[in-house]
PDB file of all heavy atoms in Angstrom:
ATOM      1  N   LEU A   1       0.830  -1.200   0.000  1.00  0.00           N
ATOM      2  CA  LEU A   1       0.000   0.000   0.000  1.00  0.00           C
ATOM      3  C   LEU A   1       0.869   1.256   0.000  1.00  0.00           C
ATOM      4  O   LEU A   1       0.577   2.215  -0.720  1.00  0.00           O
ATOM      5  CB  LEU A   1      -0.908  -0.021   1.233  1.00  0.00           C
ATOM      6  CG  LEU A   1      -2.228   0.695   1.160  1.00  0.00           C
ATOM      7  CD1 LEU A   1      -3.050   0.218  -0.018  1.00  0.00           C
ATOM      8  CD2 LEU A   1      -2.991   0.488   2.456  1.00  0.00           C
ATOM      9  N   SER A   2       1.931   1.241   0.765  1.00  0.00           N
ATOM     10  CA  SER A   2       2.852   2.371   0.808  1.00  0.00           C
ATOM     11  C   SER A   2       3.527   2.579  -0.550  1.00  0.00           C
ATOM     12  O   SER A   2       3.655   3.712  -1.023  1.00  0.00           O
ATOM     13  CB  SER A   2       3.905   2.140   1.891  1.00  0.00           C
ATOM     14  OG  SER A   2       4.821   3.201   1.928  1.00  0.00           O
ATOM     15  N   ASP A   3       3.939   1.479  -1.180  1.00  0.00           N
ATOM     16  CA  ASP A   3       4.558   1.560  -2.504  1.00  0.00           C
ATOM     17  C   ASP A   3       3.567   2.119  -3.520  1.00  0.00           C
ATOM     18  O   ASP A   3       3.922   2.982  -4.330  1.00  0.00           O
ATOM     19  CB  ASP A   3       5.052   0.181  -2.943  1.00  0.00           C
ATOM     20  CG  ASP A   3       5.769   0.233  -4.272  1.00  0.00           C
ATOM     21  OD1 ASP A   3       6.687   1.065  -4.423  1.00  0.00           O
ATOM     22  OD2 ASP A   3       5.415  -0.560  -5.163  1.00  0.00           O
ATOM     23  N   LEU A   4       2.327   1.663  -3.475  1.00  0.00           N
ATOM     24  CA  LEU A   4       1.299   2.157  -4.380  1.00  0.00           C
ATOM     25  C   LEU A   4       1.064   3.647  -4.177  1.00  0.00           C
ATOM     26  O   LEU A   4       0.952   4.414  -5.136  1.00  0.00           O
ATOM     27  CB  LEU A   4      -0.005   1.386  -4.173  1.00  0.00           C
ATOM     28  CG  LEU A   4      -1.179   1.789  -5.040  1.00  0.00           C
ATOM     29  CD1 LEU A   4      -0.849   1.612  -6.519  1.00  0.00           C
ATOM     30  CD2 LEU A   4      -2.408   0.983  -4.664  1.00  0.00           C
ATOM     31  N   ARG A   5       1.028   4.078  -2.926  1.00  0.00           N
ATOM     32  CA  ARG A   5       0.841   5.499  -2.621  1.00  0.00           C
ATOM     33  C   ARG A   5       1.965   6.330  -3.234  1.00  0.00           C
ATOM     34  O   ARG A   5       1.723   7.373  -3.837  1.00  0.00           O
ATOM     35  CB  ARG A   5       0.795   5.715  -1.118  1.00  0.00           C
ATOM     36  CG  ARG A   5       0.599   7.158  -0.717  1.00  0.00           C
ATOM     37  CD  ARG A   5       0.664   7.344   0.811  1.00  0.00           C
ATOM     38  NE  ARG A   5       0.542   8.723   1.161  1.00  0.00           N
ATOM     39  CZ  ARG A   5       1.543   9.602   1.145  1.00  0.00           C
ATOM     40  NH1 ARG A   5       2.751   9.223   0.778  1.00  0.00           N
ATOM     41  NH2 ARG A   5       1.354  10.856   1.485  1.00  0.00           N
ATOM     42  N   LEU A   6       3.204   5.876  -3.078  1.00  0.00           N
ATOM     43  CA  LEU A   6       4.339   6.606  -3.649  1.00  0.00           C
ATOM     44  C   LEU A   6       4.245   6.684  -5.174  1.00  0.00           C
ATOM     45  O   LEU A   6       4.554   7.720  -5.772  1.00  0.00           O
ATOM     46  CB  LEU A   6       5.651   5.954  -3.227  1.00  0.00           C
ATOM     47  CG  LEU A   6       6.031   6.106  -1.764  1.00  0.00           C
ATOM     48  CD1 LEU A   6       7.285   5.281  -1.449  1.00  0.00           C
ATOM     49  CD2 LEU A   6       6.250   7.567  -1.409  1.00  0.00           C
ATOM     50  N   GLN A   7       3.815   5.604  -5.796  1.00  0.00           N
ATOM     51  CA  GLN A   7       3.663   5.606  -7.250  1.00  0.00           C
ATOM     52  C   GLN A   7       2.580   6.588  -7.688  1.00  0.00           C
ATOM     53  O   GLN A   7       2.746   7.316  -8.667  1.00  0.00           O
ATOM     54  CB  GLN A   7       3.331   4.203  -7.750  1.00  0.00           C
ATOM     55  CG  GLN A   7       4.494   3.240  -7.669  1.00  0.00           C
ATOM     56  CD  GLN A   7       4.125   1.852  -8.145  1.00  0.00           C
ATOM     57  OE1 GLN A   7       3.181   1.668  -8.895  1.00  0.00           O
ATOM     58  NE2 GLN A   7       4.869   0.857  -7.694  1.00  0.00           N
ATOM     59  N   ILE A   8       1.484   6.625  -6.957  1.00  0.00           N
ATOM     60  CA  ILE A   8       0.380   7.529  -7.295  1.00  0.00           C
ATOM     61  C   ILE A   8       0.806   8.979  -7.111  1.00  0.00           C
ATOM     62  O   ILE A   8       0.524   9.832  -7.960  1.00  0.00           O
ATOM     63  CB  ILE A   8      -0.872   7.189  -6.465  1.00  0.00           C
ATOM     64  CG1 ILE A   8      -1.451   5.855  -6.928  1.00  0.00           C
ATOM     65  CG2 ILE A   8      -1.916   8.299  -6.561  1.00  0.00           C
ATOM     66  CD1 ILE A   8      -2.530   5.302  -6.039  1.00  0.00           C
ATOM     67  N   VAL A   9       1.499   9.272  -6.027  1.00  0.00           N
ATOM     68  CA  VAL A   9       1.982  10.635  -5.791  1.00  0.00           C
ATOM     69  C   VAL A   9       2.961  11.033  -6.899  1.00  0.00           C
ATOM     70  O   VAL A   9       2.892  12.157  -7.421  1.00  0.00           O
ATOM     71  CB  VAL A   9       2.636  10.755  -4.396  1.00  0.00           C
ATOM     72  CG1 VAL A   9       3.398  12.057  -4.251  1.00  0.00           C
ATOM     73  CG2 VAL A   9       1.580  10.636  -3.303  1.00  0.00           C
ATOM     74  N   GLY A  10       3.838  10.127  -7.282  1.00  0.00           N
ATOM     75  CA  GLY A  10       4.777  10.406  -8.362  1.00  0.00           C
ATOM     76  C   GLY A  10       4.070  10.662  -9.679  1.00  0.00           C
ATOM     77  O   GLY A  10       4.419  11.590 -10.422  1.00  0.00           O
ATOM     78  N   MET A  11       3.066   9.868  -9.974  1.00  0.00           N
ATOM     79  CA  MET A  11       2.303  10.063 -11.210  1.00  0.00           C
ATOM     80  C   MET A  11       1.544  11.388 -11.175  1.00  0.00           C
ATOM     81  O   MET A  11       1.433  12.072 -12.194  1.00  0.00           O
ATOM     82  CB  MET A  11       1.353   8.892 -11.431  1.00  0.00           C
ATOM     83  CG  MET A  11       2.087   7.611 -11.792  1.00  0.00           C
ATOM     84  SD  MET A  11       0.994   6.184 -11.942  1.00  0.00           S
ATOM     85  CE  MET A  11       0.232   6.537 -13.511  1.00  0.00           C
ATOM     86  N   GLY A  12       1.047  11.773 -10.010  1.00  0.00           N
ATOM     87  CA  GLY A  12       0.365  13.063  -9.874  1.00  0.00           C
ATOM     88  C   GLY A  12       1.310  14.216 -10.185  1.00  0.00           C
ATOM     89  O   GLY A  12       0.930  15.180 -10.851  1.00  0.00           O
ATOM     90  N   GLY A  13       2.546  14.105  -9.727  1.00  0.00           N
ATOM     91  CA  GLY A  13       3.546  15.124 -10.025  1.00  0.00           C
ATOM     92  C   GLY A  13       3.823  15.212 -11.513  1.00  0.00           C
ATOM     93  O   GLY A  13       3.975  16.309 -12.066  1.00  0.00           O
ATOM     94  N   LEU A  14       3.878  14.060 -12.169  1.00  0.00           N
ATOM     95  CA  LEU A  14       4.094  14.046 -13.613  1.00  0.00           C
ATOM     96  C   LEU A  14       2.926  14.686 -14.355  1.00  0.00           C
ATOM     97  O   LEU A  14       3.118  15.405 -15.336  1.00  0.00           O
ATOM     98  CB  LEU A  14       4.307  12.615 -14.110  1.00  0.00           C
ATOM     99  CG  LEU A  14       5.598  11.946 -13.664  1.00  0.00           C
ATOM    100  CD1 LEU A  14       5.587  10.463 -14.050  1.00  0.00           C
ATOM    101  CD2 LEU A  14       6.809  12.641 -14.260  1.00  0.00           C
ATOM    102  N   VAL A  15       1.713  14.441 -13.883  1.00  0.00           N
ATOM    103  CA  VAL A  15       0.526  15.043 -14.508  1.00  0.00           C
ATOM    104  C   VAL A  15       0.590  16.566 -14.396  1.00  0.00           C
ATOM    105  O   VAL A  15       0.346  17.289 -15.375  1.00  0.00           O
ATOM    106  CB  VAL A  15      -0.776  14.502 -13.869  1.00  0.00           C
ATOM    107  CG1 VAL A  15      -1.978  15.329 -14.295  1.00  0.00           C
ATOM    108  CG2 VAL A  15      -0.972  13.036 -14.225  1.00  0.00           C
ATOM    109  N   ILE A  16       0.933  17.055 -13.226  1.00  0.00           N
ATOM    110  CA  ILE A  16       1.039  18.504 -13.027  1.00  0.00           C
ATOM    111  C   ILE A  16       2.076  19.090 -13.986  1.00  0.00           C
ATOM    112  O   ILE A  16       1.837  20.124 -14.624  1.00  0.00           O
ATOM    113  CB  ILE A  16       1.390  18.829 -11.555  1.00  0.00           C
ATOM    114  CG1 ILE A  16       0.200  18.502 -10.656  1.00  0.00           C
ATOM    115  CG2 ILE A  16       1.819  20.291 -11.393  1.00  0.00           C
ATOM    116  CD1 ILE A  16       0.519  18.534  -9.177  1.00  0.00           C
ATOM    117  N   ASP A  17       3.217  18.434 -14.105  1.00  0.00           N
ATOM    118  CA  ASP A  17       4.269  18.912 -15.001  1.00  0.00           C
ATOM    119  C   ASP A  17       3.811  18.882 -16.457  1.00  0.00           C
ATOM    120  O   ASP A  17       4.058  19.830 -17.214  1.00  0.00           O
ATOM    121  CB  ASP A  17       5.532  18.071 -14.820  1.00  0.00           C
ATOM    122  CG  ASP A  17       6.702  18.627 -15.599  1.00  0.00           C
ATOM    123  OD1 ASP A  17       6.936  19.852 -15.530  1.00  0.00           O
ATOM    124  OD2 ASP A  17       7.368  17.842 -16.303  1.00  0.00           O
ATOM    125  N   GLN A  18       3.139  17.807 -16.846  1.00  0.00           N
ATOM    126  CA  GLN A  18       2.660  17.687 -18.224  1.00  0.00           C
ATOM    127  C   GLN A  18       1.643  18.776 -18.560  1.00  0.00           C
ATOM    128  O   GLN A  18       1.715  19.393 -19.621  1.00  0.00           O
ATOM    129  CB  GLN A  18       2.026  16.313 -18.462  1.00  0.00           C
ATOM    130  CG  GLN A  18       3.006  15.177 -18.638  1.00  0.00           C
ATOM    131  CD  GLN A  18       3.726  15.258 -19.956  1.00  0.00           C
ATOM    132  OE1 GLN A  18       4.765  15.896 -20.071  1.00  0.00           O
ATOM    133  NE2 GLN A  18       3.183  14.619 -20.969  1.00  0.00           N
ATOM    134  N   VAL A  19       0.694  19.015 -17.665  1.00  0.00           N
ATOM    135  CA  VAL A  19      -0.326  20.046 -17.917  1.00  0.00           C
ATOM    136  C   VAL A  19       0.325  21.423 -17.994  1.00  0.00           C
ATOM    137  O   VAL A  19       0.026  22.220 -18.890  1.00  0.00           O
ATOM    138  CB  VAL A  19      -1.437  20.005 -16.849  1.00  0.00           C
ATOM    139  CG1 VAL A  19      -2.359  21.210 -16.956  1.00  0.00           C
ATOM    140  CG2 VAL A  19      -2.233  18.710 -16.963  1.00  0.00           C
ATOM    141  N   SER A  20       1.243  21.693 -17.089  1.00  0.00           N
ATOM    142  CA  SER A  20       1.938  22.979 -17.100  1.00  0.00           C
ATOM    143  C   SER A  20       2.702  23.181 -18.407  1.00  0.00           C
ATOM    144  O   SER A  20       2.638  24.252 -19.023  1.00  0.00           O
ATOM    145  CB  SER A  20       2.898  23.048 -15.909  1.00  0.00           C
ATOM    146  OG  SER A  20       3.662  24.231 -15.947  1.00  0.00           O
ATOM    147  N   SER A  21       3.427  22.156 -18.829  1.00  0.00           N
ATOM    148  CA  SER A  21       4.191  22.252 -20.078  1.00  0.00           C
ATOM    149  C   SER A  21       3.273  22.393 -21.280  1.00  0.00           C
ATOM    150  O   SER A  21       3.559  23.169 -22.206  1.00  0.00           O
ATOM    151  CB  SER A  21       5.072  21.012 -20.249  1.00  0.00           C
ATOM    152  OG  SER A  21       6.058  20.951 -19.246  1.00  0.00           O
ATOM    153  N   ALA A  22       2.171  21.669 -21.285  1.00  0.00           N
ATOM    154  CA  ALA A  22       1.231  21.745 -22.405  1.00  0.00           C
ATOM    155  C   ALA A  22       0.610  23.133 -22.506  1.00  0.00           C
ATOM    156  O   ALA A  22       0.482  23.687 -23.601  1.00  0.00           O
ATOM    157  CB  ALA A  22       0.138  20.686 -22.257  1.00  0.00           C
ATOM    158  N   VAL A  23       0.239  23.712 -21.377  1.00  0.00           N
ATOM    159  CA  VAL A  23      -0.334  25.062 -21.384  1.00  0.00           C
ATOM    160  C   VAL A  23       0.712  26.064 -21.860  1.00  0.00           C
ATOM    161  O   VAL A  23       0.414  26.948 -22.670  1.00  0.00           O
ATOM    162  CB  VAL A  23      -0.884  25.435 -19.983  1.00  0.00           C
ATOM    163  CG1 VAL A  23      -1.225  26.912 -19.900  1.00  0.00           C
ATOM    164  CG2 VAL A  23      -2.098  24.582 -19.652  1.00  0.00           C
ATOM    165  N   HIS A  24       1.934  25.917 -21.382  1.00  0.00           N
ATOM    166  CA  HIS A  24       3.023  26.796 -21.820  1.00  0.00           C
ATOM    167  C   HIS A  24       3.212  26.687 -23.333  1.00  0.00           C
ATOM    168  O   HIS A  24       3.327  27.711 -24.021  1.00  0.00           O
ATOM    169  CB  HIS A  24       4.309  26.427 -21.084  1.00  0.00           C
ATOM    170  CG  HIS A  24       5.519  27.177 -21.512  1.00  0.00           C
ATOM    171  ND1 HIS A  24       5.689  28.522 -21.293  1.00  0.00           N
ATOM    172  CD2 HIS A  24       6.628  26.761 -22.165  1.00  0.00           C
ATOM    173  CE1 HIS A  24       6.850  28.902 -21.784  1.00  0.00           C
ATOM    174  NE2 HIS A  24       7.439  27.849 -22.326  1.00  0.00           N
ATOM    175  N   ALA A  25       3.229  25.468 -23.847  1.00  0.00           N
ATOM    176  CA  ALA A  25       3.392  25.266 -25.297  1.00  0.00           C
ATOM    177  C   ALA A  25       2.243  25.904 -26.071  1.00  0.00           C
ATOM    178  O   ALA A  25       2.464  26.538 -27.104  1.00  0.00           O
ATOM    179  CB  ALA A  25       3.475  23.772 -25.607  1.00  0.00           C
ATOM    180  N   LEU A  26       1.046  25.756 -25.570  1.00  0.00           N
ATOM    181  CA  LEU A  26      -0.126  26.310 -26.247  1.00  0.00           C
ATOM    182  C   LEU A  26      -0.114  27.837 -26.245  1.00  0.00           C
ATOM    183  O   LEU A  26      -0.294  28.477 -27.281  1.00  0.00           O
ATOM    184  CB  LEU A  26      -1.406  25.800 -25.577  1.00  0.00           C
ATOM    185  CG  LEU A  26      -2.714  26.281 -26.177  1.00  0.00           C
ATOM    186  CD1 LEU A  26      -2.866  25.781 -27.612  1.00  0.00           C
ATOM    187  CD2 LEU A  26      -3.880  25.813 -25.329  1.00  0.00           C
ATOM    188  N   LEU A  27       0.130  28.426 -25.081  1.00  0.00           N
ATOM    189  CA  LEU A  27       0.101  29.889 -24.963  1.00  0.00           C
ATOM    190  C   LEU A  27       1.235  30.563 -25.731  1.00  0.00           C
ATOM    191  O   LEU A  27       1.060  31.645 -26.277  1.00  0.00           O
ATOM    192  CB  LEU A  27       0.136  30.308 -23.489  1.00  0.00           C
ATOM    193  CG  LEU A  27      -1.094  29.934 -22.664  1.00  0.00           C
ATOM    194  CD1 LEU A  27      -0.892  30.348 -21.210  1.00  0.00           C
ATOM    195  CD2 LEU A  27      -2.350  30.564 -23.234  1.00  0.00           C
ATOM    196  N   ASP A  28       2.401  29.897 -25.749  1.00  0.00           N
ATOM    197  CA  ASP A  28       3.561  30.485 -26.420  1.00  0.00           C
ATOM    198  C   ASP A  28       3.713  30.008 -27.862  1.00  0.00           C
ATOM    199  O   ASP A  28       4.618  30.456 -28.563  1.00  0.00           O
ATOM    200  CB  ASP A  28       4.845  30.154 -25.653  1.00  0.00           C
ATOM    201  CG  ASP A  28       4.894  30.821 -24.283  1.00  0.00           C
ATOM    202  OD1 ASP A  28       4.084  31.740 -24.047  1.00  0.00           O
ATOM    203  OD2 ASP A  28       5.741  30.423 -23.466  1.00  0.00           O
ATOM    204  N   GLY A  29       2.858  29.089 -28.267  1.00  0.00           N
ATOM    205  CA  GLY A  29       2.984  28.540 -29.616  1.00  0.00           C
ATOM    206  C   GLY A  29       4.307  27.827 -29.822  1.00  0.00           C
ATOM    207  O   GLY A  29       4.891  27.867 -30.906  1.00  0.00           O
ATOM    208  N   ASP A  30       4.785  27.151 -28.778  1.00  0.00           N
ATOM    209  CA  ASP A  30       6.097  26.496 -28.809  1.00  0.00           C
ATOM    210  C   ASP A  30       5.943  25.022 -29.208  1.00  0.00           C
ATOM    211  O   ASP A  30       5.589  24.169 -28.399  1.00  0.00           O
ATOM    212  CB  ASP A  30       6.753  26.614 -27.435  1.00  0.00           C
ATOM    213  CG  ASP A  30       8.214  26.232 -27.429  1.00  0.00           C
ATOM    214  OD1 ASP A  30       8.603  25.340 -28.211  1.00  0.00           O
ATOM    215  OD2 ASP A  30       8.969  26.826 -26.634  1.00  0.00           O
ATOM    216  N   ALA A  31       6.225  24.742 -30.473  1.00  0.00           N
ATOM    217  CA  ALA A  31       6.064  23.386 -30.998  1.00  0.00           C
ATOM    218  C   ALA A  31       7.049  22.413 -30.372  1.00  0.00           C
ATOM    219  O   ALA A  31       6.735  21.229 -30.200  1.00  0.00           O
ATOM    220  CB  ALA A  31       6.222  23.393 -32.513  1.00  0.00           C
ATOM    221  N   ALA A  32       8.233  22.886 -29.999  1.00  0.00           N
ATOM    222  CA  ALA A  32       9.236  21.998 -29.398  1.00  0.00           C
ATOM    223  C   ALA A  32       8.759  21.478 -28.039  1.00  0.00           C
ATOM    224  O   ALA A  32       8.903  20.293 -27.738  1.00  0.00           O
ATOM    225  CB  ALA A  32      10.572  22.719 -29.252  1.00  0.00           C
ATOM    226  N   ILE A  33       8.190  22.364 -27.243  1.00  0.00           N
ATOM    227  CA  ILE A  33       7.668  21.929 -25.936  1.00  0.00           C
ATOM    228  C   ILE A  33       6.464  21.017 -26.134  1.00  0.00           C
ATOM    229  O   ILE A  33       6.302  20.018 -25.429  1.00  0.00           O
ATOM    230  CB  ILE A  33       7.333  23.137 -25.044  1.00  0.00           C
ATOM    231  CG1 ILE A  33       8.622  23.872 -24.661  1.00  0.00           C
ATOM    232  CG2 ILE A  33       6.578  22.698 -23.793  1.00  0.00           C
ATOM    233  CD1 ILE A  33       8.412  25.111 -23.820  1.00  0.00           C
ATOM    234  N   ALA A  34       5.612  21.345 -27.095  1.00  0.00           N
ATOM    235  CA  ALA A  34       4.460  20.490 -27.381  1.00  0.00           C
ATOM    236  C   ALA A  34       4.928  19.084 -27.763  1.00  0.00           C
ATOM    237  O   ALA A  34       4.356  18.087 -27.305  1.00  0.00           O
ATOM    238  CB  ALA A  34       3.615  21.091 -28.495  1.00  0.00           C
ATOM    239  N   GLN A  35       5.972  18.999 -28.573  1.00  0.00           N
ATOM    240  CA  GLN A  35       6.499  17.681 -28.970  1.00  0.00           C
ATOM    241  C   GLN A  35       7.074  16.937 -27.770  1.00  0.00           C
ATOM    242  O   GLN A  35       6.901  15.731 -27.634  1.00  0.00           O
ATOM    243  CB  GLN A  35       7.569  17.854 -30.063  1.00  0.00           C
ATOM    244  CG  GLN A  35       7.999  16.552 -30.683  1.00  0.00           C
ATOM    245  CD  GLN A  35       6.834  15.778 -31.285  1.00  0.00           C
ATOM    246  OE1 GLN A  35       6.019  16.322 -32.018  1.00  0.00           O
ATOM    247  NE2 GLN A  35       6.745  14.507 -30.967  1.00  0.00           N
TER     248      GLN A  35
END
């Protein structure tokens, strides 16, 4: 259960990073970040 919790927290961090990068790519029209 502890291992699963750590994996979920890690995946949540990745989701936050992905959404932030995607919004940045969209707002700035940055195709490299989008890729």
